[in-house]
N, C-alpha and C. Protein backbone atom coordinates (compact mmCIF):
# COMPACT_ATOMS: atom_id res chain seq x y z
N MET A 1 -57.94 53.15 -35.40
CA MET A 1 -58.45 52.07 -36.01
C MET A 1 -58.59 53.10 -37.77
N LYS A 2 -58.87 52.34 -38.76
CA LYS A 2 -58.54 52.72 -39.39
C LYS A 2 -60.06 52.36 -40.18
N ASP A 3 -61.18 53.28 -40.59
CA ASP A 3 -62.32 52.91 -41.41
C ASP A 3 -63.32 51.68 -41.02
N LEU A 4 -63.12 51.70 -39.58
CA LEU A 4 -63.92 50.08 -38.81
C LEU A 4 -65.21 50.43 -39.04
N ASP A 5 -66.41 49.35 -39.03
CA ASP A 5 -67.84 49.67 -38.86
C ASP A 5 -67.68 50.04 -37.56
N PRO A 6 -68.63 50.40 -37.23
CA PRO A 6 -68.36 51.13 -35.62
C PRO A 6 -68.94 50.05 -34.72
N GLU A 7 -69.37 48.89 -35.12
CA GLU A 7 -69.95 47.49 -34.30
C GLU A 7 -68.15 46.78 -34.38
N VAL A 8 -67.43 47.38 -35.58
CA VAL A 8 -65.97 46.45 -35.54
C VAL A 8 -65.00 47.09 -34.24
N GLU A 9 -65.14 48.35 -34.58
CA GLU A 9 -64.33 48.90 -33.51
C GLU A 9 -64.85 48.75 -32.23
N GLN A 10 -66.42 48.56 -31.35
CA GLN A 10 -66.70 48.47 -30.17
C GLN A 10 -65.91 47.23 -29.96
N ALA A 11 -66.24 46.11 -31.13
CA ALA A 11 -65.94 44.58 -30.44
C ALA A 11 -63.68 44.64 -30.12
N VAL A 12 -63.74 45.45 -31.30
CA VAL A 12 -62.40 45.82 -30.46
C VAL A 12 -61.95 45.80 -29.52
N ASP A 13 -62.49 47.06 -29.31
CA ASP A 13 -62.37 47.70 -28.24
C ASP A 13 -62.57 46.78 -26.90
N ALA A 14 -63.92 45.38 -26.61
CA ALA A 14 -64.23 45.09 -25.87
C ALA A 14 -63.34 44.25 -25.05
N ILE A 15 -62.27 43.39 -26.59
CA ILE A 15 -61.62 42.32 -26.60
C ILE A 15 -60.74 42.95 -26.23
N CYS A 16 -59.77 43.93 -26.56
CA CYS A 16 -58.53 44.48 -25.59
C CYS A 16 -59.07 44.49 -24.73
N ALA A 17 -60.07 45.17 -24.32
CA ALA A 17 -59.80 45.51 -22.44
C ALA A 17 -59.51 43.97 -21.90
N LEU A 18 -59.93 43.21 -22.47
CA LEU A 18 -59.51 41.47 -22.02
C LEU A 18 -57.91 41.48 -20.98
N GLY A 19 -57.09 41.83 -22.38
CA GLY A 19 -56.09 41.77 -22.16
C GLY A 19 -55.39 41.17 -23.31
N CYS A 20 -53.85 40.78 -23.36
CA CYS A 20 -53.26 40.17 -24.48
C CYS A 20 -53.30 38.53 -24.68
N ASP A 21 -53.31 38.39 -24.02
CA ASP A 21 -53.95 36.69 -23.48
C ASP A 21 -55.23 36.48 -24.31
N VAL A 22 -56.38 36.56 -23.48
CA VAL A 22 -58.14 36.83 -24.26
C VAL A 22 -57.41 37.63 -25.83
N VAL A 23 -56.87 38.27 -26.05
CA VAL A 23 -57.12 38.78 -27.38
C VAL A 23 -56.31 37.63 -28.43
N ALA A 24 -55.29 36.81 -28.33
CA ALA A 24 -54.85 36.02 -28.77
C ALA A 24 -55.67 34.67 -29.22
N ALA A 25 -57.14 34.37 -27.78
CA ALA A 25 -57.99 33.39 -27.80
C ALA A 25 -58.80 33.98 -28.87
N TYR A 26 -58.99 35.21 -28.60
CA TYR A 26 -60.50 35.37 -29.20
C TYR A 26 -60.08 35.03 -31.22
N ILE A 27 -58.69 35.33 -31.48
CA ILE A 27 -58.12 35.60 -32.81
C ILE A 27 -58.40 33.58 -33.32
N GLU A 28 -57.83 32.98 -32.47
CA GLU A 28 -58.03 32.19 -32.59
C GLU A 28 -59.49 31.27 -32.87
N SER A 29 -60.32 32.01 -32.03
CA SER A 29 -61.98 31.22 -32.13
C SER A 29 -62.53 32.02 -33.31
N LEU A 30 -61.98 33.48 -33.35
CA LEU A 30 -62.21 33.92 -35.06
C LEU A 30 -61.70 33.01 -36.52
N ARG A 31 -60.39 32.70 -36.11
CA ARG A 31 -60.02 31.70 -37.02
C ARG A 31 -60.63 30.73 -37.41
N GLN A 32 -61.15 29.98 -36.27
CA GLN A 32 -61.99 29.24 -36.45
C GLN A 32 -63.06 29.32 -36.37
N ARG A 33 -63.73 30.34 -37.32
CA ARG A 33 -65.00 31.10 -36.96
C ARG A 33 -66.01 30.74 -35.55
N GLN A 34 -65.56 29.99 -34.47
CA GLN A 34 -66.65 30.16 -33.30
C GLN A 34 -66.73 31.34 -32.76
N GLN A 35 -68.33 31.17 -32.20
CA GLN A 35 -68.70 32.12 -31.30
C GLN A 35 -68.73 32.93 -30.32
N ARG A 36 -68.37 33.78 -30.37
CA ARG A 36 -68.37 34.69 -28.88
C ARG A 36 -68.95 36.03 -28.55
N PRO A 37 -69.47 36.38 -27.24
CA PRO A 37 -70.69 37.29 -27.07
C PRO A 37 -70.00 38.73 -27.75
N GLU A 38 -68.66 38.94 -27.52
CA GLU A 38 -68.63 40.50 -28.49
C GLU A 38 -68.63 40.36 -29.04
N TYR A 39 -68.59 39.24 -30.59
CA TYR A 39 -68.88 39.37 -31.97
C TYR A 39 -70.14 38.56 -32.48
N ARG A 40 -70.90 38.28 -31.53
CA ARG A 40 -72.07 37.85 -31.81
C ARG A 40 -72.55 38.21 -32.92
N LEU A 41 -72.81 39.56 -32.78
CA LEU A 41 -73.76 40.19 -33.93
C LEU A 41 -73.33 40.20 -35.49
N LEU A 42 -72.18 40.36 -35.34
CA LEU A 42 -71.69 40.75 -36.34
C LEU A 42 -71.27 39.68 -38.03
N ASN A 43 -71.31 40.26 -39.18
CA ASN A 43 -71.70 39.45 -40.47
C ASN A 43 -70.26 38.57 -40.66
N GLU A 44 -70.00 37.85 -41.11
CA GLU A 44 -69.39 37.39 -41.73
C GLU A 44 -67.97 38.34 -42.01
N THR A 45 -67.83 39.44 -42.93
CA THR A 45 -67.31 40.48 -43.41
C THR A 45 -66.79 41.24 -42.50
N GLN A 46 -67.64 42.04 -41.30
CA GLN A 46 -67.02 42.38 -40.23
C GLN A 46 -66.15 41.55 -39.66
N ARG A 47 -66.74 40.28 -39.41
CA ARG A 47 -65.68 39.14 -38.21
C ARG A 47 -63.96 39.17 -39.38
N SER A 48 -63.71 39.17 -40.47
CA SER A 48 -62.91 38.96 -40.95
C SER A 48 -62.02 40.57 -40.75
N SER A 49 -63.15 41.80 -40.88
CA SER A 49 -62.43 42.60 -40.13
C SER A 49 -61.97 42.85 -39.27
N LEU A 50 -62.60 42.46 -38.00
CA LEU A 50 -62.45 42.24 -36.77
C LEU A 50 -60.93 41.19 -36.53
N LEU A 51 -61.23 40.54 -36.80
CA LEU A 51 -60.19 39.59 -36.62
C LEU A 51 -58.74 40.15 -37.56
N ARG A 52 -58.55 41.00 -38.99
CA ARG A 52 -57.65 41.87 -39.05
C ARG A 52 -56.66 43.14 -38.40
N GLU A 53 -57.73 43.53 -37.52
CA GLU A 53 -57.69 44.41 -36.51
C GLU A 53 -56.80 43.96 -35.31
N LEU A 54 -57.37 42.97 -35.05
CA LEU A 54 -56.96 41.58 -33.78
C LEU A 54 -55.55 41.97 -33.90
N GLN A 55 -55.51 41.02 -35.31
CA GLN A 55 -53.67 40.56 -35.30
C GLN A 55 -53.41 42.11 -35.69
N SER A 56 -53.61 42.83 -36.51
CA SER A 56 -52.98 43.87 -36.44
C SER A 56 -52.31 44.73 -35.03
N ILE A 57 -53.08 44.61 -34.75
CA ILE A 57 -53.09 45.26 -32.75
C ILE A 57 -51.65 44.01 -32.33
N MET A 58 -51.87 43.29 -32.52
CA MET A 58 -51.10 42.00 -31.66
C MET A 58 -50.40 42.42 -32.21
N SER A 59 -49.42 42.69 -33.42
CA SER A 59 -48.34 42.27 -34.36
C SER A 59 -47.47 43.43 -33.94
N VAL A 60 -48.03 44.36 -32.67
CA VAL A 60 -47.16 45.65 -32.00
C VAL A 60 -46.67 44.69 -31.04
N TYR A 61 -47.22 44.00 -30.51
CA TYR A 61 -47.01 43.29 -29.14
C TYR A 61 -45.69 42.56 -29.41
N ASP A 62 -46.52 41.34 -30.14
CA ASP A 62 -45.22 40.23 -30.27
C ASP A 62 -44.08 40.98 -30.59
N SER A 63 -43.51 42.13 -31.94
CA SER A 63 -42.52 42.68 -32.32
C SER A 63 -41.93 43.18 -31.54
N LYS A 64 -42.56 43.81 -30.05
CA LYS A 64 -41.99 44.40 -28.89
C LYS A 64 -41.23 42.84 -28.00
N ASN A 65 -42.35 41.63 -28.33
CA ASN A 65 -41.45 40.72 -27.49
C ASN A 65 -41.53 39.76 -27.93
N PRO A 66 -40.28 39.48 -28.69
CA PRO A 66 -40.14 37.87 -29.31
C PRO A 66 -40.08 37.00 -28.64
């Protein structure tokens, strides 16, 4: 993970451990600015970073499963 805040990295790890379907749901929640326990303590900048990181991770899976 590229230069992420430790809090963001921790949230990425927690969310990714839940599986692809859940990650996709969290991406949508972040887009809609909804609160979730895994990232409720992150500020707006950190949430944007989290969203970008999750989208980047999922793009790898999406490219393997067209």
